[in-house]
Amino acid sequence: MNAMGSGKWRKSLTSGFLHVFLLVYALICLYPVYFSLISSFKKNDDIFASPFALPTSFNWQNYVTALELGNIFRYFWNTLLLAGGTVVLSALVGAFAAYALARFRFRFQGVTLIYFVSGLMIPIQAVIVPLAYIFGQVKWNDNYLVLILLFTAFMIPMTVFILTGFAKSIPDELEEAAVIDGCGHWRTFWHVIFPLMIPAIATASTFNFINTWNNLIFPLIFIKKKELSTISVGLLSFFGERTSDYGAVTAATVITLLPPILIYVLLQEKVEKGLTAGAVKG
């Protein structure tokens, strides 16, 4: 009894420490969002006088400045176009690749999967110089289609990794039943496998959207026209042009944070299901 009681006490203590750690970690992660939100409604003097206090009055002019003078609204739609195109294309390519790798048996199948996943080990910074040289030689700067393809290439490894694990957990009987009913591989994929992969696709798409939305390096190097810039580049230039207007800067930051947060909140359930469903076969 003493041993059992001691074990339960240790387990309860460990669980308590874990909850406290997660709570502290969550507060640390939420603090920048809180600071940006309250500062976006303050004037410069209020931000420096009471940086942690709630605003005494809501100064909506900061958002007007960010949208009009900072041109954040245009950068917002530019980024949404790039992120949306990347999400759709990477989801389609990743789903096709995952279906083949998970449901078919062919030579070098394991090697092919490792080839896809090995892309996770290649940092973006390692290919910036050769890509910049190639883009300059073939005049591919300021081209959204090429940039979407470039983003997709870097999103494919993680997408294939997530979708392949999920596709392997789909019961073989469903695919066999579709074949018996006369479905070929194409119809089986679209009518049986693809709908079942939606949670995993939502998971990968959420990560892909956030990574594309927050990416600064590619747009900064491969987009030269200011009117085609993304929100990360626009926010960077906004800091340089209006360094004294911290209220407008934080308002632009809040606008930048809204889409990733909204996407994750809306797809939270599917993200969690997609991350855990492929862990167990059957």
C-alpha atoms as a PDB file:
ATOM      1  CA  MET A   1       0.000   0.000   0.000  1.00  0.00           C
ATOM      2  CA  ASN A   2       2.832   2.370   0.879  1.00  0.00           C
ATOM      3  CA  ALA A   3       4.549   1.654  -2.434  1.00  0.00           C
ATOM      4  CA  MET A   4       1.300   2.172  -4.331  1.00  0.00           C
ATOM      5  CA  GLY A   5       0.577   5.372  -2.444  1.00  0.00           C
ATOM      6  CA  SER A   6       4.109   6.637  -3.096  1.00  0.00           C
ATOM      7  CA  GLY A   7       3.755   5.856  -6.801  1.00  0.00           C
ATOM      8  CA  LYS A   8       0.460   7.721  -7.033  1.00  0.00           C
ATOM      9  CA  TRP A   9       1.975  10.669  -5.145  1.00  0.00           C
ATOM     10  CA  ARG A  10       4.930  10.842  -7.542  1.00  0.00           C
ATOM     11  CA  LYS A  11       2.597  10.589 -10.537  1.00  0.00           C
ATOM     12  CA  SER A  12       0.385  13.360  -9.166  1.00  0.00           C
ATOM     13  CA  LEU A  13       3.426  15.540  -8.433  1.00  0.00           C
ATOM     14  CA  THR A  14       4.816  14.998 -11.936  1.00  0.00           C
ATOM     15  CA  SER A  15       1.436  15.821 -13.450  1.00  0.00           C
ATOM     16  CA  GLY A  16       1.236  18.979 -11.355  1.00  0.00           C
ATOM     17  CA  PHE A  17       4.701  20.130 -12.447  1.00  0.00           C
ATOM     18  CA  LEU A  18       3.801  19.418 -16.060  1.00  0.00           C
ATOM     19  CA  HIS A  19       0.611  21.483 -15.828  1.00  0.00           C
ATOM     20  CA  VAL A  20       2.488  24.376 -14.231  1.00  0.00           C
ATOM     21  CA  PHE A  21       5.213  24.208 -16.897  1.00  0.00           C
ATOM     22  CA  LEU A  22       2.660  24.185 -19.721  1.00  0.00           C
ATOM     23  CA  LEU A  23       0.782  27.085 -18.148  1.00  0.00           C
ATOM     24  CA  VAL A  24       3.956  29.164 -17.836  1.00  0.00           C
ATOM     25  CA  TYR A  25       4.961  28.273 -21.395  1.00  0.00           C
ATOM     26  CA  ALA A  26       1.505  29.282 -22.695  1.00  0.00           C
ATOM     27  CA  LEU A  27       1.720  32.629 -20.889  1.00  0.00           C
ATOM     28  CA  ILE A  28       5.177  33.267 -22.353  1.00  0.00           C
ATOM     29  CA  CYS A  29       3.868  32.530 -25.861  1.00  0.00           C
ATOM     30  CA  LEU A  30       0.759  34.682 -25.392  1.00  0.00           C
ATOM     31  CA  TYR A  31       2.580  37.667 -23.922  1.00  0.00           C
ATOM     32  CA  PRO A  32       3.830  39.108 -27.274  1.00  0.00           C
ATOM     33  CA  VAL A  33       0.285  38.849 -28.668  1.00  0.00           C
ATOM     34  CA  TYR A  34      -1.111  40.613 -25.582  1.00  0.00           C
ATOM     35  CA  PHE A  35       1.520  43.352 -25.730  1.00  0.00           C
ATOM     36  CA  SER A  36       0.952  43.955 -29.451  1.00  0.00           C
ATOM     37  CA  LEU A  37      -2.821  44.028 -29.008  1.00  0.00           C
ATOM     38  CA  ILE A  38      -2.919  46.548 -26.169  1.00  0.00           C
ATOM     39  CA  SER A  39      -0.180  48.686 -27.729  1.00  0.00           C
ATOM     40  CA  SER A  40      -2.064  48.870 -31.024  1.00  0.00           C
ATOM     41  CA  PHE A  41      -4.726  50.996 -29.290  1.00  0.00           C
ATOM     42  CA  LYS A  42      -2.291  53.334 -27.541  1.00  0.00           C
ATOM     43  CA  LYS A  43      -0.413  56.453 -28.500  1.00  0.00           C
ATOM     44  CA  ASN A  44       3.364  56.528 -28.369  1.00  0.00           C
ATOM     45  CA  ASP A  45       3.471  58.298 -24.993  1.00  0.00           C
ATOM     46  CA  ASP A  46       1.120  55.736 -23.428  1.00  0.00           C
ATOM     47  CA  ILE A  47       3.160  52.806 -24.747  1.00  0.00           C
ATOM     48  CA  PHE A  48       6.332  54.051 -23.059  1.00  0.00           C
ATOM     49  CA  ALA A  49       4.604  55.364 -19.930  1.00  0.00           C
ATOM     50  CA  SER A  50       2.617  52.183 -19.174  1.00  0.00           C
ATOM     51  CA  PRO A  51       3.667  49.387 -21.551  1.00  0.00           C
ATOM     52  CA  PHE A  52       1.839  46.593 -19.675  1.00  0.00           C
ATOM     53  CA  ALA A  53      -1.356  48.422 -18.736  1.00  0.00           C
ATOM     54  CA  LEU A  54      -4.596  48.278 -20.660  1.00  0.00           C
ATOM     55  CA  PRO A  55      -5.319  51.310 -22.870  1.00  0.00           C
ATOM     56  CA  THR A  56      -7.343  54.053 -21.205  1.00  0.00           C
ATOM     57  CA  SER A  57      -8.930  54.875 -24.572  1.00  0.00           C
ATOM     58  CA  PHE A  58      -8.993  53.001 -27.864  1.00  0.00           C
ATOM     59  CA  ASN A  59      -7.022  54.786 -30.556  1.00  0.00           C
ATOM     60  CA  TRP A  60      -8.350  53.262 -33.792  1.00  0.00           C
ATOM     61  CA  GLN A  61      -6.290  55.700 -35.829  1.00  0.00           C
ATOM     62  CA  ASN A  62      -3.348  53.314 -35.510  1.00  0.00           C
ATOM     63  CA  TYR A  63      -5.176  50.749 -37.647  1.00  0.00           C
ATOM     64  CA  VAL A  64      -6.168  53.403 -40.178  1.00  0.00           C
ATOM     65  CA  THR A  65      -2.522  54.427 -40.454  1.00  0.00           C
ATOM     66  CA  ALA A  66      -1.387  50.818 -40.850  1.00  0.00           C
ATOM     67  CA  LEU A  67      -3.947  50.070 -43.561  1.00  0.00           C
ATOM     68  CA  GLU A  68      -3.675  53.290 -45.544  1.00  0.00           C
ATOM     69  CA  LEU A  69      -0.203  54.753 -45.097  1.00  0.00           C
ATOM     70  CA  GLY A  70       1.482  51.427 -44.421  1.00  0.00           C
ATOM     71  CA  ASN A  71      -0.359  49.782 -47.348  1.00  0.00           C
ATOM     72  CA  ILE A  72      -0.774  46.670 -45.179  1.00  0.00           C
ATOM     73  CA  PHE A  73      -4.083  45.775 -46.829  1.00  0.00           C
ATOM     74  CA  ARG A  74      -2.421  45.287 -50.226  1.00  0.00           C
ATOM     75  CA  TYR A  75       0.429  43.287 -48.728  1.00  0.00           C
ATOM     76  CA  PHE A  76      -2.172  41.217 -46.883  1.00  0.00           C
ATOM     77  CA  TRP A  77      -3.860  40.080 -50.106  1.00  0.00           C
ATOM     78  CA  ASN A  78      -0.534  39.480 -51.839  1.00  0.00           C
ATOM     79  CA  THR A  79       0.510  37.149 -49.032  1.00  0.00           C
ATOM     80  CA  LEU A  80      -2.894  35.469 -48.978  1.00  0.00           C
ATOM     81  CA  LEU A  81      -2.541  34.707 -52.691  1.00  0.00           C
ATOM     82  CA  LEU A  82       0.904  33.165 -52.234  1.00  0.00           C
ATOM     83  CA  ALA A  83      -0.055  31.220 -49.113  1.00  0.00           C
ATOM     84  CA  GLY A  84      -3.341  29.993 -50.598  1.00  0.00           C
ATOM     85  CA  GLY A  85      -1.694  28.815 -53.812  1.00  0.00           C
ATOM     86  CA  THR A  86       1.053  27.069 -51.858  1.00  0.00           C
ATOM     87  CA  VAL A  87      -1.441  25.322 -49.560  1.00  0.00           C
ATOM     88  CA  VAL A  88      -3.576  24.014 -52.433  1.00  0.00           C
ATOM     89  CA  LEU A  89      -0.674  22.849 -54.589  1.00  0.00           C
ATOM     90  CA  SER A  90       1.281  21.235 -51.742  1.00  0.00           C
ATOM     91  CA  ALA A  91      -1.868  19.460 -50.511  1.00  0.00           C
ATOM     92  CA  LEU A  92      -2.567  17.974 -53.954  1.00  0.00           C
ATOM     93  CA  VAL A  93       1.014  16.919 -54.675  1.00  0.00           C
ATOM     94  CA  GLY A  94       1.483  15.611 -51.143  1.00  0.00           C
ATOM     95  CA  ALA A  95      -1.773  13.619 -51.253  1.00  0.00           C
ATOM     96  CA  PHE A  96      -0.844  11.979 -54.570  1.00  0.00           C
ATOM     97  CA  ALA A  97       2.646  11.106 -53.327  1.00  0.00           C
ATOM     98  CA  ALA A  98       1.367   9.829 -49.980  1.00  0.00           C
ATOM     99  CA  TYR A  99      -1.241   7.629 -51.661  1.00  0.00           C
ATOM    100  CA  ALA A 100       1.392   5.998 -53.858  1.00  0.00           C
ATOM    101  CA  LEU A 101       3.879   5.564 -51.025  1.00  0.00           C
ATOM    102  CA  ALA A 102       1.345   4.195 -48.542  1.00  0.00           C
ATOM    103  CA  ARG A 103      -0.934   2.023 -50.669  1.00  0.00           C
ATOM    104  CA  PHE A 104       1.303   0.646 -53.445  1.00  0.00           C
ATOM    105  CA  ARG A 105       4.196  -1.791 -53.250  1.00  0.00           C
ATOM    106  CA  PHE A 106       7.123  -1.109 -55.564  1.00  0.00           C
ATOM    107  CA  ARG A 107      10.882  -1.322 -55.642  1.00  0.00           C
ATOM    108  CA  PHE A 108      12.775   1.315 -53.653  1.00  0.00           C
ATOM    109  CA  GLN A 109       9.571   2.354 -51.906  1.00  0.00           C
ATOM    110  CA  GLY A 110      11.362   3.003 -48.610  1.00  0.00           C
ATOM    111  CA  VAL A 111      14.155   4.875 -50.350  1.00  0.00           C
ATOM    112  CA  THR A 112      11.627   7.075 -52.133  1.00  0.00           C
ATOM    113  CA  LEU A 113       9.945   7.978 -48.845  1.00  0.00           C
ATOM    114  CA  ILE A 114      13.327   8.776 -47.290  1.00  0.00           C
ATOM    115  CA  TYR A 115      14.106  10.932 -50.340  1.00  0.00           C
ATOM    116  CA  PHE A 116      10.964  12.983 -49.766  1.00  0.00           C
ATOM    117  CA  VAL A 117      11.421  13.291 -46.016  1.00  0.00           C
ATOM    118  CA  SER A 118      15.134  14.178 -46.336  1.00  0.00           C
ATOM    119  CA  GLY A 119      13.995  17.543 -47.649  1.00  0.00           C
ATOM    120  CA  LEU A 120      13.185  18.452 -44.055  1.00  0.00           C
ATOM    121  CA  MET A 121      16.912  18.564 -43.343  1.00  0.00           C
ATOM    122  CA  ILE A 122      17.641  21.190 -46.015  1.00  0.00           C
ATOM    123  CA  PRO A 123      17.437  24.719 -44.553  1.00  0.00           C
ATOM    124  CA  ILE A 124      16.118  27.474 -46.763  1.00  0.00           C
ATOM    125  CA  GLN A 125      19.237  29.549 -46.140  1.00  0.00           C
ATOM    126  CA  ALA A 126      21.418  26.865 -47.760  1.00  0.00           C
ATOM    127  CA  VAL A 127      19.850  27.332 -51.200  1.00  0.00           C
ATOM    128  CA  ILE A 128      19.309  31.092 -51.251  1.00  0.00           C
ATOM    129  CA  VAL A 129      22.477  31.941 -53.194  1.00  0.00           C
ATOM    130  CA  PRO A 130      22.059  29.404 -56.061  1.00  0.00           C
ATOM    131  CA  LEU A 131      18.331  30.157 -56.299  1.00  0.00           C
ATOM    132  CA  ALA A 132      18.972  33.895 -56.431  1.00  0.00           C
ATOM    133  CA  TYR A 133      21.522  33.349 -59.211  1.00  0.00           C
ATOM    134  CA  ILE A 134      19.165  31.119 -61.232  1.00  0.00           C
ATOM    135  CA  PHE A 135      16.200  33.471 -60.806  1.00  0.00           C
ATOM    136  CA  GLY A 136      18.317  36.403 -61.914  1.00  0.00           C
ATOM    137  CA  GLN A 137      19.570  34.554 -65.019  1.00  0.00           C
ATOM    138  CA  VAL A 138      16.124  33.447 -66.232  1.00  0.00           C
ATOM    139  CA  LYS A 139      14.314  36.663 -65.173  1.00  0.00           C
ATOM    140  CA  TRP A 140      11.944  34.935 -62.742  1.00  0.00           C
ATOM    141  CA  ASN A 141      11.802  37.724 -60.173  1.00  0.00           C
ATOM    142  CA  ASP A 142       8.373  39.212 -59.358  1.00  0.00           C
ATOM    143  CA  ASN A 143       6.660  36.028 -60.555  1.00  0.00           C
ATOM    144  CA  TYR A 144       4.025  34.723 -58.128  1.00  0.00           C
ATOM    145  CA  LEU A 145       3.585  31.396 -59.944  1.00  0.00           C
ATOM    146  CA  VAL A 146       7.289  30.574 -59.689  1.00  0.00           C
ATOM    147  CA  LEU A 147       7.317  31.680 -56.056  1.00  0.00           C
ATOM    148  CA  ILE A 148       4.347  29.403 -55.282  1.00  0.00           C
ATOM    149  CA  LEU A 149       6.216  26.498 -56.880  1.00  0.00           C
ATOM    150  CA  LEU A 150       9.285  27.362 -54.796  1.00  0.00           C
ATOM    151  CA  PHE A 151       7.285  27.494 -51.561  1.00  0.00           C
ATOM    152  CA  THR A 152       5.577  24.234 -52.474  1.00  0.00           C
ATOM    153  CA  ALA A 153       8.907  22.483 -53.013  1.00  0.00           C
ATOM    154  CA  PHE A 154       9.890  23.282 -49.441  1.00  0.00           C
ATOM    155  CA  MET A 155       6.478  22.304 -48.042  1.00  0.00           C
ATOM    156  CA  ILE A 156       6.292  18.925 -49.786  1.00  0.00           C
ATOM    157  CA  PRO A 157       8.626  16.974 -47.398  1.00  0.00           C
ATOM    158  CA  MET A 158       6.596  17.653 -44.265  1.00  0.00           C
ATOM    159  CA  THR A 159       3.310  17.274 -46.169  1.00  0.00           C
ATOM    160  CA  VAL A 160       4.303  13.857 -47.513  1.00  0.00           C
ATOM    161  CA  PHE A 161       5.574  12.802 -44.086  1.00  0.00           C
ATOM    162  CA  ILE A 162       2.253  13.639 -42.390  1.00  0.00           C
ATOM    163  CA  LEU A 163      -0.028  12.333 -45.133  1.00  0.00           C
ATOM    164  CA  THR A 164       1.862   9.074 -45.649  1.00  0.00           C
ATOM    165  CA  GLY A 165       1.605   8.160 -41.981  1.00  0.00           C
ATOM    166  CA  PHE A 166      -2.108   8.920 -42.033  1.00  0.00           C
ATOM    167  CA  ALA A 167      -2.740   7.055 -45.303  1.00  0.00           C
ATOM    168  CA  LYS A 168      -1.133   3.909 -43.870  1.00  0.00           C
ATOM    169  CA  SER A 169      -3.703   3.918 -41.059  1.00  0.00           C
ATOM    170  CA  ILE A 170      -6.647   3.742 -43.494  1.00  0.00           C
ATOM    171  CA  PRO A 171      -8.036   0.162 -43.522  1.00  0.00           C
ATOM    172  CA  ASP A 172      -7.211  -1.810 -46.650  1.00  0.00           C
ATOM    173  CA  GLU A 173     -10.776  -3.158 -46.731  1.00  0.00           C
ATOM    174  CA  LEU A 174     -12.131   0.228 -47.836  1.00  0.00           C
ATOM    175  CA  GLU A 175      -9.883   0.298 -50.872  1.00  0.00           C
ATOM    176  CA  GLU A 176     -10.615  -3.361 -51.658  1.00  0.00           C
ATOM    177  CA  ALA A 177     -14.360  -2.691 -51.507  1.00  0.00           C
ATOM    178  CA  ALA A 178     -13.961   0.195 -53.949  1.00  0.00           C
ATOM    179  CA  VAL A 179     -11.997  -2.015 -56.359  1.00  0.00           C
ATOM    180  CA  ILE A 180     -14.689  -4.712 -56.153  1.00  0.00           C
ATOM    181  CA  ASP A 181     -17.282  -2.064 -57.043  1.00  0.00           C
ATOM    182  CA  GLY A 182     -15.315  -1.302 -60.205  1.00  0.00           C
ATOM    183  CA  CYS A 183     -13.300   1.733 -59.140  1.00  0.00           C
ATOM    184  CA  GLY A 184      -9.853   2.200 -60.582  1.00  0.00           C
ATOM    185  CA  HIS A 185      -6.953   3.786 -58.733  1.00  0.00           C
ATOM    186  CA  TRP A 186      -7.995   7.285 -59.795  1.00  0.00           C
ATOM    187  CA  ARG A 187     -11.604   7.003 -58.588  1.00  0.00           C
ATOM    188  CA  THR A 188     -10.539   5.135 -55.462  1.00  0.00           C
ATOM    189  CA  PHE A 189      -8.202   7.948 -54.568  1.00  0.00           C
ATOM    190  CA  TRP A 190     -10.714  10.776 -55.116  1.00  0.00           C
ATOM    191  CA  HIS A 191     -13.830   9.080 -53.713  1.00  0.00           C
ATOM    192  CA  VAL A 192     -12.380   6.949 -50.894  1.00  0.00           C
ATOM    193  CA  ILE A 193      -8.839   7.840 -49.851  1.00  0.00           C
ATOM    194  CA  PHE A 194      -8.809  11.611 -50.339  1.00  0.00           C
ATOM    195  CA  PRO A 195     -11.946  12.341 -48.233  1.00  0.00           C
ATOM    196  CA  LEU A 196     -10.528  10.212 -45.410  1.00  0.00           C
ATOM    197  CA  MET A 197      -7.246  12.140 -45.569  1.00  0.00           C
ATOM    198  CA  ILE A 198      -8.923  15.510 -44.934  1.00  0.00           C
ATOM    199  CA  PRO A 199      -7.832  15.712 -41.248  1.00  0.00           C
ATOM    200  CA  ALA A 200      -4.200  15.062 -42.188  1.00  0.00           C
ATOM    201  CA  ILE A 201      -4.447  17.479 -45.127  1.00  0.00           C
ATOM    202  CA  ALA A 202      -5.838  20.125 -42.763  1.00  0.00           C
ATOM    203  CA  THR A 203      -2.913  19.511 -40.415  1.00  0.00           C
ATOM    204  CA  ALA A 204      -0.257  19.830 -43.107  1.00  0.00           C
ATOM    205  CA  SER A 205      -2.056  22.775 -44.735  1.00  0.00           C
ATOM    206  CA  THR A 206      -2.160  24.663 -41.438  1.00  0.00           C
ATOM    207  CA  PHE A 207       1.586  24.336 -40.985  1.00  0.00           C
ATOM    208  CA  ASN A 208       2.195  25.179 -44.648  1.00  0.00           C
ATOM    209  CA  PHE A 209       0.012  28.273 -44.476  1.00  0.00           C
ATOM    210  CA  ILE A 210       1.726  29.577 -41.341  1.00  0.00           C
ATOM    211  CA  ASN A 211       5.222  28.905 -42.728  1.00  0.00           C
ATOM    212  CA  THR A 212       4.418  30.616 -46.025  1.00  0.00           C
ATOM    213  CA  TRP A 213       2.652  33.525 -44.351  1.00  0.00           C
ATOM    214  CA  ASN A 214       5.599  34.199 -42.040  1.00  0.00           C
ATOM    215  CA  ASN A 215       8.316  33.667 -44.633  1.00  0.00           C
ATOM    216  CA  LEU A 216      10.464  36.738 -45.149  1.00  0.00           C
ATOM    217  CA  ILE A 217      13.528  35.496 -47.028  1.00  0.00           C
ATOM    218  CA  PHE A 218      11.972  34.422 -50.343  1.00  0.00           C
ATOM    219  CA  PRO A 219       9.746  37.488 -50.884  1.00  0.00           C
ATOM    220  CA  LEU A 220      12.536  39.809 -49.784  1.00  0.00           C
ATOM    221  CA  ILE A 221      14.962  38.353 -52.344  1.00  0.00           C
ATOM    222  CA  PHE A 222      12.728  37.325 -55.246  1.00  0.00           C
ATOM    223  CA  ILE A 223      10.179  40.164 -55.267  1.00  0.00           C
ATOM    224  CA  LYS A 224      11.599  43.501 -56.378  1.00  0.00           C
ATOM    225  CA  LYS A 225       8.405  45.485 -57.029  1.00  0.00           C
ATOM    226  CA  LYS A 226       7.058  47.092 -53.884  1.00  0.00           C
ATOM    227  CA  GLU A 227       3.414  46.667 -54.919  1.00  0.00           C
ATOM    228  CA  LEU A 228       3.957  42.874 -55.100  1.00  0.00           C
ATOM    229  CA  SER A 229       5.570  42.586 -51.674  1.00  0.00           C
ATOM    230  CA  THR A 230       4.169  40.273 -49.009  1.00  0.00           C
ATOM    231  CA  ILE A 231       3.039  41.325 -45.566  1.00  0.00           C
ATOM    232  CA  SER A 232       6.308  40.300 -43.910  1.00  0.00           C
ATOM    233  CA  VAL A 233       8.313  42.518 -46.272  1.00  0.00           C
ATOM    234  CA  GLY A 234       5.728  45.269 -45.984  1.00  0.00           C
ATOM    235  CA  LEU A 235       5.921  45.131 -42.208  1.00  0.00           C
ATOM    236  CA  LEU A 236       9.693  45.325 -42.379  1.00  0.00           C
ATOM    237  CA  SER A 237       9.601  48.405 -44.596  1.00  0.00           C
ATOM    238  CA  PHE A 238       6.882  49.862 -42.378  1.00  0.00           C
ATOM    239  CA  PHE A 239       9.257  49.709 -39.421  1.00  0.00           C
ATOM    240  CA  GLY A 240      11.906  51.527 -41.422  1.00  0.00           C
ATOM    241  CA  GLU A 241       9.644  54.252 -42.713  1.00  0.00           C
ATOM    242  CA  ARG A 242       7.677  54.929 -39.524  1.00  0.00           C
ATOM    243  CA  THR A 243       9.953  53.987 -36.674  1.00  0.00           C
ATOM    244  CA  SER A 244       8.508  56.672 -34.376  1.00  0.00           C
ATOM    245  CA  ASP A 245       4.872  55.568 -34.743  1.00  0.00           C
ATOM    246  CA  TYR A 246       4.921  52.469 -32.538  1.00  0.00           C
ATOM    247  CA  GLY A 247       1.148  52.392 -32.221  1.00  0.00           C
ATOM    248  CA  ALA A 248       0.737  51.961 -35.969  1.00  0.00           C
ATOM    249  CA  VAL A 249       3.557  49.411 -36.026  1.00  0.00           C
ATOM    250  CA  THR A 250       1.851  47.237 -33.403  1.00  0.00           C
ATOM    251  CA  ALA A 251      -1.490  47.650 -35.217  1.00  0.00           C
ATOM    252  CA  ALA A 252       0.136  46.318 -38.384  1.00  0.00           C
ATOM    253  CA  THR A 253       1.604  43.464 -36.334  1.00  0.00           C
ATOM    254  CA  VAL A 254      -1.845  42.531 -35.001  1.00  0.00           C
ATOM    255  CA  ILE A 255      -3.238  42.488 -38.543  1.00  0.00           C
ATOM    256  CA  THR A 256      -0.369  40.212 -39.543  1.00  0.00           C
ATOM    257  CA  LEU A 257      -1.044  37.811 -36.663  1.00  0.00           C
ATOM    258  CA  LEU A 258      -4.786  37.435 -37.264  1.00  0.00           C
ATOM    259  CA  PRO A 259      -4.857  34.999 -40.264  1.00  0.00           C
ATOM    260  CA  PRO A 260      -2.516  32.310 -38.788  1.00  0.00           C
ATOM    261  CA  ILE A 261      -4.337  32.422 -35.452  1.00  0.00           C
ATOM    262  CA  LEU A 262      -7.747  32.260 -37.139  1.00  0.00           C
ATOM    263  CA  ILE A 263      -6.694  29.376 -39.380  1.00  0.00           C
ATOM    264  CA  TYR A 264      -5.418  27.352 -36.439  1.00  0.00           C
ATOM    265  CA  VAL A 265      -8.510  28.057 -34.292  1.00  0.00           C
ATOM    266  CA  LEU A 266     -10.860  26.979 -37.089  1.00  0.00           C
ATOM    267  CA  LEU A 267      -8.869  23.831 -37.915  1.00  0.00           C
ATOM    268  CA  GLN A 268      -7.669  22.965 -34.405  1.00  0.00           C
ATOM    269  CA  GLU A 269      -9.788  19.828 -34.107  1.00  0.00           C
ATOM    270  CA  LYS A 270      -8.727  18.493 -37.498  1.00  0.00           C
ATOM    271  CA  VAL A 271      -5.078  19.340 -36.786  1.00  0.00           C
ATOM    272  CA  GLU A 272      -5.096  17.327 -33.559  1.00  0.00           C
ATOM    273  CA  LYS A 273      -6.916  14.438 -35.248  1.00  0.00           C
ATOM    274  CA  GLY A 274      -4.511  14.457 -38.171  1.00  0.00           C
ATOM    275  CA  LEU A 275      -1.457  14.391 -35.915  1.00  0.00           C
ATOM    276  CA  THR A 276      -2.679  11.450 -33.804  1.00  0.00           C
ATOM    277  CA  ALA A 277      -4.757   9.319 -36.186  1.00  0.00           C
ATOM    278  CA  GLY A 278      -1.746   8.020 -38.100  1.00  0.00           C
ATOM    279  CA  ALA A 279       0.070   6.923 -34.963  1.00  0.00           C
ATOM    280  CA  VAL A 280      -1.776   3.593 -34.703  1.00  0.00           C
ATOM    281  CA  LYS A 281      -2.545   1.229 -37.544  1.00  0.00           C
ATOM    282  CA  GLY A 282      -6.214   0.259 -37.955  1.00  0.00           C
END
